Amino acid sequence: VQLQASGGGLVQAGGSLRLSCAASGGTFRTYAVGWFRQAPGEEREWIARISWSGVTTNYADSVKGRFTISRDNAKNTVYLQMNSLKPEDTAVHYCAADQRSDFHYDYWGQGTLVTVSS
């Protein structure tokens, strides 16, 4: 499975962006997917997860109520809608696929940079 994250960019505080994670190969529609981010000088942080069916979603406290994860299995794509962005959301954002839904991420995308200006 190859993952391609896209949709990052520069946005002002309070603005919105939608990230996409497009998959090719494998049976992506059967995998849980997570979004992570890594700010300069910081450790990678998990921020959201969606089950293979899309029924179950989970969020880190830092993004809960502002970000929404969703998926379109017909398009092999997972989305991260980010609203009310803050400067502290600035980071490279990665998507990753969990093949067995055991919270071990087997495949990673290359990352897309989100920059939020104050």
Protein backbone atom coordinates (compact mmCIF):
# COMPACT_ATOMS: atom_id res chain seq x y z
CA VAL A 1 0.00 0.00 0.00
CA GLN A 2 1.28 3.45 -0.90
CA LEU A 3 -0.16 6.52 0.81
CA GLN A 4 -0.09 10.04 -0.57
CA ALA A 5 -0.94 12.89 1.79
CA SER A 6 -1.89 16.25 0.32
CA GLY A 7 -3.75 19.44 1.08
CA GLY A 8 -1.32 21.22 3.34
CA GLY A 9 -0.48 24.87 2.97
CA LEU A 10 -0.32 28.25 4.63
CA VAL A 11 -3.41 29.52 6.40
CA GLN A 12 -4.19 32.24 8.90
CA ALA A 13 -5.23 31.42 12.43
CA GLY A 14 -8.93 30.61 12.54
CA GLY A 15 -8.89 29.27 9.01
CA SER A 16 -9.50 25.81 7.64
CA LEU A 17 -7.76 23.19 5.55
CA ARG A 18 -8.72 19.74 4.38
CA LEU A 19 -6.02 17.12 4.13
CA SER A 20 -6.39 14.04 1.97
CA CYS A 21 -4.68 10.67 2.23
CA ALA A 22 -5.03 8.72 -1.00
CA ALA A 23 -4.07 5.07 -1.11
CA SER A 24 -3.03 2.81 -3.92
CA GLY A 25 -2.53 -0.93 -3.81
CA GLY A 26 -3.64 -3.34 -1.12
CA THR A 27 -7.07 -3.39 0.45
CA PHE A 28 -7.04 0.05 2.01
CA ARG A 29 -10.74 -0.02 2.66
CA THR A 30 -10.15 -2.74 5.28
CA TYR A 31 -7.50 -0.74 7.17
CA ALA A 32 -7.91 1.67 10.04
CA VAL A 33 -6.16 4.97 9.34
CA GLY A 34 -4.58 7.52 11.57
CA TRP A 35 -3.31 11.06 11.17
CA PHE A 36 -0.18 12.19 12.96
CA ARG A 37 1.81 15.40 13.03
CA GLN A 38 5.31 16.47 13.89
CA ALA A 39 6.28 20.04 14.64
CA PRO A 40 9.90 21.18 14.37
CA GLY A 41 11.89 19.94 17.33
CA GLU A 42 8.95 17.96 18.66
CA GLU A 43 8.06 14.29 18.76
CA ARG A 44 5.47 12.89 16.42
CA GLU A 45 1.97 13.22 17.82
CA TRP A 46 -1.09 11.14 17.02
CA ILE A 47 -4.13 13.34 16.38
CA ALA A 48 -6.95 11.28 14.85
CA ARG A 49 -7.98 7.77 13.87
CA ILE A 50 -10.82 6.21 11.91
CA SER A 51 -11.85 2.58 11.78
CA TRP A 52 -11.96 0.69 8.49
CA SER A 53 -15.74 1.14 8.31
CA GLY A 54 -15.68 4.78 9.30
CA VAL A 55 -18.03 4.11 12.18
CA THR A 56 -15.49 4.76 14.94
CA THR A 57 -13.38 7.89 15.18
CA ASN A 58 -11.01 9.07 17.88
CA TYR A 59 -9.23 12.35 18.46
CA ALA A 60 -6.45 13.72 20.57
CA ASP A 61 -7.59 16.32 23.06
CA SER A 62 -5.51 18.93 21.23
CA VAL A 63 -7.75 18.73 18.14
CA LYS A 64 -11.07 17.43 19.48
CA GLY A 65 -13.96 19.61 18.38
CA ARG A 66 -11.91 21.30 15.65
CA PHE A 67 -10.79 18.44 13.40
CA THR A 68 -12.91 15.78 11.73
CA ILE A 69 -11.60 12.58 10.18
CA SER A 70 -13.63 10.81 7.53
CA ARG A 71 -13.15 8.36 4.70
CA ASP A 72 -14.51 7.46 1.29
CA ASN A 73 -13.62 3.82 0.71
CA ALA A 74 -14.88 3.96 -2.86
CA LYS A 75 -12.12 6.49 -3.52
CA ASN A 76 -9.53 4.86 -1.22
CA THR A 77 -9.16 8.20 0.51
CA VAL A 78 -9.22 9.43 4.09
CA TYR A 79 -9.73 13.10 4.90
CA LEU A 80 -8.87 15.36 7.80
CA GLN A 81 -10.98 18.49 7.94
CA MET A 82 -9.19 21.03 10.11
CA ASN A 83 -11.14 24.04 11.33
CA SER A 84 -10.32 26.86 13.74
CA LEU A 85 -6.64 26.34 13.09
CA LYS A 86 -4.13 27.68 15.58
CA PRO A 87 -0.44 28.51 15.18
CA GLU A 88 0.35 25.49 17.35
CA ASP A 89 -1.17 23.25 14.66
CA THR A 90 1.82 24.07 12.47
CA ALA A 91 3.50 20.77 11.64
CA VAL A 92 4.12 18.17 8.99
CA HIS A 93 1.02 16.00 8.94
CA TYR A 94 1.22 12.31 8.07
CA CYS A 95 -1.35 9.63 7.42
CA ALA A 96 -0.75 6.00 8.25
CA ALA A 97 -2.64 2.75 7.71
CA ASP A 98 -3.19 0.07 10.34
CA GLN A 99 -3.68 -3.17 8.45
CA ARG A 100 -4.93 -5.33 11.33
CA SER A 101 -6.62 -2.61 13.40
CA ASP A 102 -4.19 -3.36 16.22
CA PHE A 103 -2.94 0.21 16.56
CA HIS A 104 0.30 -0.71 14.82
CA TYR A 105 0.68 1.43 11.72
CA ASP A 106 2.14 -0.55 8.85
CA TYR A 107 2.19 2.03 6.06
CA TRP A 108 3.02 5.73 6.13
CA GLY A 109 2.56 8.59 3.73
CA GLN A 110 5.24 11.17 3.01
CA GLY A 111 3.69 14.06 4.95
CA THR A 112 2.21 17.40 4.04
CA LEU A 113 3.14 20.67 5.73
CA VAL A 114 0.52 22.78 7.45
CA THR A 115 1.58 26.28 8.49
CA VAL A 116 -0.75 28.46 10.52
CA SER A 117 0.17 32.11 10.83
CA SER A 118 -0.94 34.26 13.75
